[in-house]
Amino acid sequence: MEKFPECFPEKFETDILPKGAKKENKSVYRVIKYGTINRDSFIGTYEEIQRGLIPRKKKMDLDNPGLYSTSCNIEYSEAQYATDIFMRHHPKVFIAKGQTESSCGPCQLTSEREERKDTHVDWWIYQEAEPQKYFSEVAENE
């Protein structure tokens, strides 16, 4: 069923989700912070905050669609950079390669709506989706 996580605001789909978000299969890399590829490896930032996995920022823009997305990168090097940052707090971190399976929810290159030069992808994953089925751990520079 195509329903976003219950913790998302009621107006998420109508007022926050970008109009340019599309259901498409993009080949991406995902930083897996907790050592296992499972459904919890694909929750978005907002849900991580709600679960107490990361601290809440003092000033959060609740209308920023990126806050609710699961971050991925098209370029391996960008995922590697994020891995290097996360390693300080998540010793079991690694990179997985897969795709933004369209049945799991819409995605968008962040640069389509923000001024940036990287290959960051926002992916808004449905509550009942199983994105972990479309990813596997990669060896360095695979």
C-alpha atoms as a PDB file:
ATOM      1  CA  MET A   1       0.000   0.000   0.000  1.00  0.00           C
ATOM      2  CA  GLU A   2       1.382   3.415  -0.976  1.00  0.00           C
ATOM      3  CA  LYS A   3       1.304   5.167   2.371  1.00  0.00           C
ATOM      4  CA  PHE A   4       4.103   7.223   3.886  1.00  0.00           C
ATOM      5  CA  PRO A   5       5.285   6.577   7.469  1.00  0.00           C
ATOM      6  CA  GLU A   6       2.772   7.482  10.178  1.00  0.00           C
ATOM      7  CA  CYS A   7       5.195   9.941  11.785  1.00  0.00           C
ATOM      8  CA  PHE A   8       5.102  12.158   8.657  1.00  0.00           C
ATOM      9  CA  PRO A   9       2.860  15.247   8.836  1.00  0.00           C
ATOM     10  CA  GLU A  10      -0.658  14.850   7.436  1.00  0.00           C
ATOM     11  CA  LYS A  11       0.117  17.456   4.778  1.00  0.00           C
ATOM     12  CA  PHE A  12       3.306  15.676   3.627  1.00  0.00           C
ATOM     13  CA  GLU A  13       1.989  14.309   0.331  1.00  0.00           C
ATOM     14  CA  THR A  14       0.039  17.430  -0.654  1.00  0.00           C
ATOM     15  CA  ASP A  15       2.234  20.266   0.645  1.00  0.00           C
ATOM     16  CA  ILE A  16       5.786  18.977   1.259  1.00  0.00           C
ATOM     17  CA  LEU A  17       6.596  16.194  -1.240  1.00  0.00           C
ATOM     18  CA  PRO A  18       8.131  17.946  -4.285  1.00  0.00           C
ATOM     19  CA  LYS A  19       6.006  17.955  -7.432  1.00  0.00           C
ATOM     20  CA  GLY A  20       9.110  16.814  -9.337  1.00  0.00           C
ATOM     21  CA  ALA A  21       9.482  13.596  -7.312  1.00  0.00           C
ATOM     22  CA  LYS A  22       8.977  10.552  -9.538  1.00  0.00           C
ATOM     23  CA  LYS A  23       8.748   6.825  -9.100  1.00  0.00           C
ATOM     24  CA  GLU A  24      11.831   5.631 -10.919  1.00  0.00           C
ATOM     25  CA  ASN A  25      14.593   3.091 -10.602  1.00  0.00           C
ATOM     26  CA  LYS A  26      17.850   5.013 -10.147  1.00  0.00           C
ATOM     27  CA  SER A  27      21.083   3.115  -9.535  1.00  0.00           C
ATOM     28  CA  VAL A  28      22.352   4.472  -6.196  1.00  0.00           C
ATOM     29  CA  TYR A  29      24.588   3.910  -3.185  1.00  0.00           C
ATOM     30  CA  ARG A  30      23.241   4.011   0.349  1.00  0.00           C
ATOM     31  CA  VAL A  31      25.291   4.377   3.517  1.00  0.00           C
ATOM     32  CA  ILE A  32      24.227   1.625   5.932  1.00  0.00           C
ATOM     33  CA  LYS A  33      24.986   3.005   9.403  1.00  0.00           C
ATOM     34  CA  TYR A  34      24.073   0.127  11.698  1.00  0.00           C
ATOM     35  CA  GLY A  35      25.846  -2.869  10.147  1.00  0.00           C
ATOM     36  CA  THR A  36      22.894  -4.704   8.557  1.00  0.00           C
ATOM     37  CA  ILE A  37      20.839  -4.235   5.415  1.00  0.00           C
ATOM     38  CA  ASN A  38      17.275  -4.349   6.704  1.00  0.00           C
ATOM     39  CA  ARG A  39      14.162  -2.161   6.586  1.00  0.00           C
ATOM     40  CA  ASP A  40      15.461   0.062   9.390  1.00  0.00           C
ATOM     41  CA  SER A  41      18.521   0.872   7.253  1.00  0.00           C
ATOM     42  CA  PHE A  42      16.225   2.855   4.965  1.00  0.00           C
ATOM     43  CA  ILE A  43      14.289   5.123   7.305  1.00  0.00           C
ATOM     44  CA  GLY A  44      14.565   8.840   6.616  1.00  0.00           C
ATOM     45  CA  THR A  45      16.106  11.522   8.801  1.00  0.00           C
ATOM     46  CA  TYR A  46      12.800  12.638  10.321  1.00  0.00           C
ATOM     47  CA  GLU A  47      11.930   9.089  11.345  1.00  0.00           C
ATOM     48  CA  GLU A  48      15.437   8.641  12.820  1.00  0.00           C
ATOM     49  CA  ILE A  49      14.791  11.735  14.946  1.00  0.00           C
ATOM     50  CA  GLN A  50      11.342  10.462  15.985  1.00  0.00           C
ATOM     51  CA  ARG A  51      12.859   7.138  17.075  1.00  0.00           C
ATOM     52  CA  GLY A  52      15.603   8.888  19.054  1.00  0.00           C
ATOM     53  CA  LEU A  53      18.395   7.513  16.843  1.00  0.00           C
ATOM     54  CA  ILE A  54      19.772  10.964  16.080  1.00  0.00           C
ATOM     55  CA  PRO A  55      19.315  14.208  18.017  1.00  0.00           C
ATOM     56  CA  ARG A  56      16.697  16.725  17.014  1.00  0.00           C
ATOM     57  CA  LYS A  57      18.165  19.919  15.633  1.00  0.00           C
ATOM     58  CA  LYS A  58      17.126  23.115  17.393  1.00  0.00           C
ATOM     59  CA  LYS A  59      15.887  24.699  14.165  1.00  0.00           C
ATOM     60  CA  MET A  60      14.332  22.142  11.853  1.00  0.00           C
ATOM     61  CA  ASP A  61      12.470  23.227   8.739  1.00  0.00           C
ATOM     62  CA  LEU A  62       9.483  20.882   8.884  1.00  0.00           C
ATOM     63  CA  ASP A  63       8.515  21.933   5.345  1.00  0.00           C
ATOM     64  CA  ASN A  64      11.847  20.795   3.872  1.00  0.00           C
ATOM     65  CA  PRO A  65      11.151  17.615   1.876  1.00  0.00           C
ATOM     66  CA  GLY A  66      14.733  16.416   2.368  1.00  0.00           C
ATOM     67  CA  LEU A  67      14.098  16.044   6.089  1.00  0.00           C
ATOM     68  CA  TYR A  68      11.701  13.156   5.375  1.00  0.00           C
ATOM     69  CA  SER A  69      13.761  11.377   2.741  1.00  0.00           C
ATOM     70  CA  THR A  70      16.179   8.496   2.749  1.00  0.00           C
ATOM     71  CA  SER A  71      19.493   9.759   1.368  1.00  0.00           C
ATOM     72  CA  CYS A  72      21.322   8.021  -1.444  1.00  0.00           C
ATOM     73  CA  ASN A  73      24.038   9.019  -3.897  1.00  0.00           C
ATOM     74  CA  ILE A  74      24.571   8.194  -7.536  1.00  0.00           C
ATOM     75  CA  GLU A  75      28.365   8.538  -7.170  1.00  0.00           C
ATOM     76  CA  TYR A  76      30.241   6.033  -5.006  1.00  0.00           C
ATOM     77  CA  SER A  77      32.762   8.687  -3.933  1.00  0.00           C
ATOM     78  CA  GLU A  78      30.014  10.785  -2.331  1.00  0.00           C
ATOM     79  CA  ALA A  79      28.746   7.782  -0.354  1.00  0.00           C
ATOM     80  CA  GLN A  80      32.332   7.082   0.690  1.00  0.00           C
ATOM     81  CA  TYR A  81      32.701  10.659   1.968  1.00  0.00           C
ATOM     82  CA  ALA A  82      29.530  10.241   4.070  1.00  0.00           C
ATOM     83  CA  THR A  83      30.830   6.893   5.347  1.00  0.00           C
ATOM     84  CA  ASP A  84      34.029   8.538   6.552  1.00  0.00           C
ATOM     85  CA  ILE A  85      31.961  11.062   8.542  1.00  0.00           C
ATOM     86  CA  PHE A  86      29.570   8.467  10.029  1.00  0.00           C
ATOM     87  CA  MET A  87      32.368   6.077  11.064  1.00  0.00           C
ATOM     88  CA  ARG A  88      33.094   8.207  14.125  1.00  0.00           C
ATOM     89  CA  HIS A  89      29.666   7.414  15.562  1.00  0.00           C
ATOM     90  CA  HIS A  90      28.704   4.218  13.716  1.00  0.00           C
ATOM     91  CA  PRO A  91      31.602   1.724  13.687  1.00  0.00           C
ATOM     92  CA  LYS A  92      29.691  -0.849  11.597  1.00  0.00           C
ATOM     93  CA  VAL A  93      28.991   1.521   8.693  1.00  0.00           C
ATOM     94  CA  PHE A  94      29.326   0.311   5.073  1.00  0.00           C
ATOM     95  CA  ILE A  95      28.054   1.138   1.598  1.00  0.00           C
ATOM     96  CA  ALA A  96      25.325  -0.764  -0.215  1.00  0.00           C
ATOM     97  CA  LYS A  97      24.507  -0.530  -3.910  1.00  0.00           C
ATOM     98  CA  GLY A  98      21.012  -0.872  -5.281  1.00  0.00           C
ATOM     99  CA  GLN A  99      18.179   1.025  -6.842  1.00  0.00           C
ATOM    100  CA  THR A 100      15.411   3.374  -5.835  1.00  0.00           C
ATOM    101  CA  GLU A 101      12.812   0.752  -6.677  1.00  0.00           C
ATOM    102  CA  SER A 102       9.786   2.654  -7.978  1.00  0.00           C
ATOM    103  CA  SER A 103       7.283   0.504  -6.068  1.00  0.00           C
ATOM    104  CA  CYS A 104       8.914   1.627  -2.797  1.00  0.00           C
ATOM    105  CA  GLY A 105       8.235   5.330  -3.303  1.00  0.00           C
ATOM    106  CA  PRO A 106       9.175   8.419  -5.319  1.00  0.00           C
ATOM    107  CA  CYS A 107      12.659   9.903  -5.534  1.00  0.00           C
ATOM    108  CA  GLN A 108      14.349  13.025  -6.842  1.00  0.00           C
ATOM    109  CA  LEU A 109      17.865  14.311  -7.427  1.00  0.00           C
ATOM    110  CA  THR A 110      18.175  16.965  -4.742  1.00  0.00           C
ATOM    111  CA  SER A 111      19.869  19.280  -7.268  1.00  0.00           C
ATOM    112  CA  GLU A 112      16.564  19.451  -9.200  1.00  0.00           C
ATOM    113  CA  ARG A 113      15.141  21.661  -6.441  1.00  0.00           C
ATOM    114  CA  GLU A 114      18.204  23.007  -4.593  1.00  0.00           C
ATOM    115  CA  GLU A 115      21.386  24.734  -5.718  1.00  0.00           C
ATOM    116  CA  ARG A 116      24.021  21.992  -5.363  1.00  0.00           C
ATOM    117  CA  LYS A 117      26.511  20.092  -7.493  1.00  0.00           C
ATOM    118  CA  ASP A 118      26.504  16.628  -5.925  1.00  0.00           C
ATOM    119  CA  THR A 119      24.547  13.505  -6.897  1.00  0.00           C
ATOM    120  CA  HIS A 120      22.479  13.289  -3.707  1.00  0.00           C
ATOM    121  CA  VAL A 121      19.114  11.581  -4.184  1.00  0.00           C
ATOM    122  CA  ASP A 122      16.134  12.011  -1.874  1.00  0.00           C
ATOM    123  CA  TRP A 123      13.924   8.906  -1.729  1.00  0.00           C
ATOM    124  CA  TRP A 124      10.588   9.011   0.088  1.00  0.00           C
ATOM    125  CA  ILE A 125       9.906   5.405   1.004  1.00  0.00           C
ATOM    126  CA  TYR A 126       6.450   4.051   1.753  1.00  0.00           C
ATOM    127  CA  GLN A 127       5.830   2.642   5.205  1.00  0.00           C
ATOM    128  CA  GLU A 128       5.175  -0.938   4.051  1.00  0.00           C
ATOM    129  CA  ALA A 129       7.862  -0.979   1.326  1.00  0.00           C
ATOM    130  CA  GLU A 130      10.877  -3.273   1.475  1.00  0.00           C
ATOM    131  CA  PRO A 131      13.715  -1.311  -0.138  1.00  0.00           C
ATOM    132  CA  GLN A 132      16.323  -3.594   1.461  1.00  0.00           C
ATOM    133  CA  LYS A 133      15.440  -6.260  -1.130  1.00  0.00           C
ATOM    134  CA  TYR A 134      17.025  -4.096  -3.833  1.00  0.00           C
ATOM    135  CA  PHE A 135      20.417  -3.488  -2.160  1.00  0.00           C
ATOM    136  CA  SER A 136      23.580  -5.425  -1.393  1.00  0.00           C
ATOM    137  CA  GLU A 137      26.882  -4.557   0.258  1.00  0.00           C
ATOM    138  CA  VAL A 138      29.610  -3.434  -2.096  1.00  0.00           C
ATOM    139  CA  ALA A 139      33.334  -3.914  -1.935  1.00  0.00           C
ATOM    140  CA  GLU A 140      35.370  -0.715  -2.005  1.00  0.00           C
ATOM    141  CA  ASN A 141      35.185   1.099  -5.351  1.00  0.00           C
ATOM    142  CA  GLU A 142      32.952  -1.579  -6.863  1.00  0.00           C
END
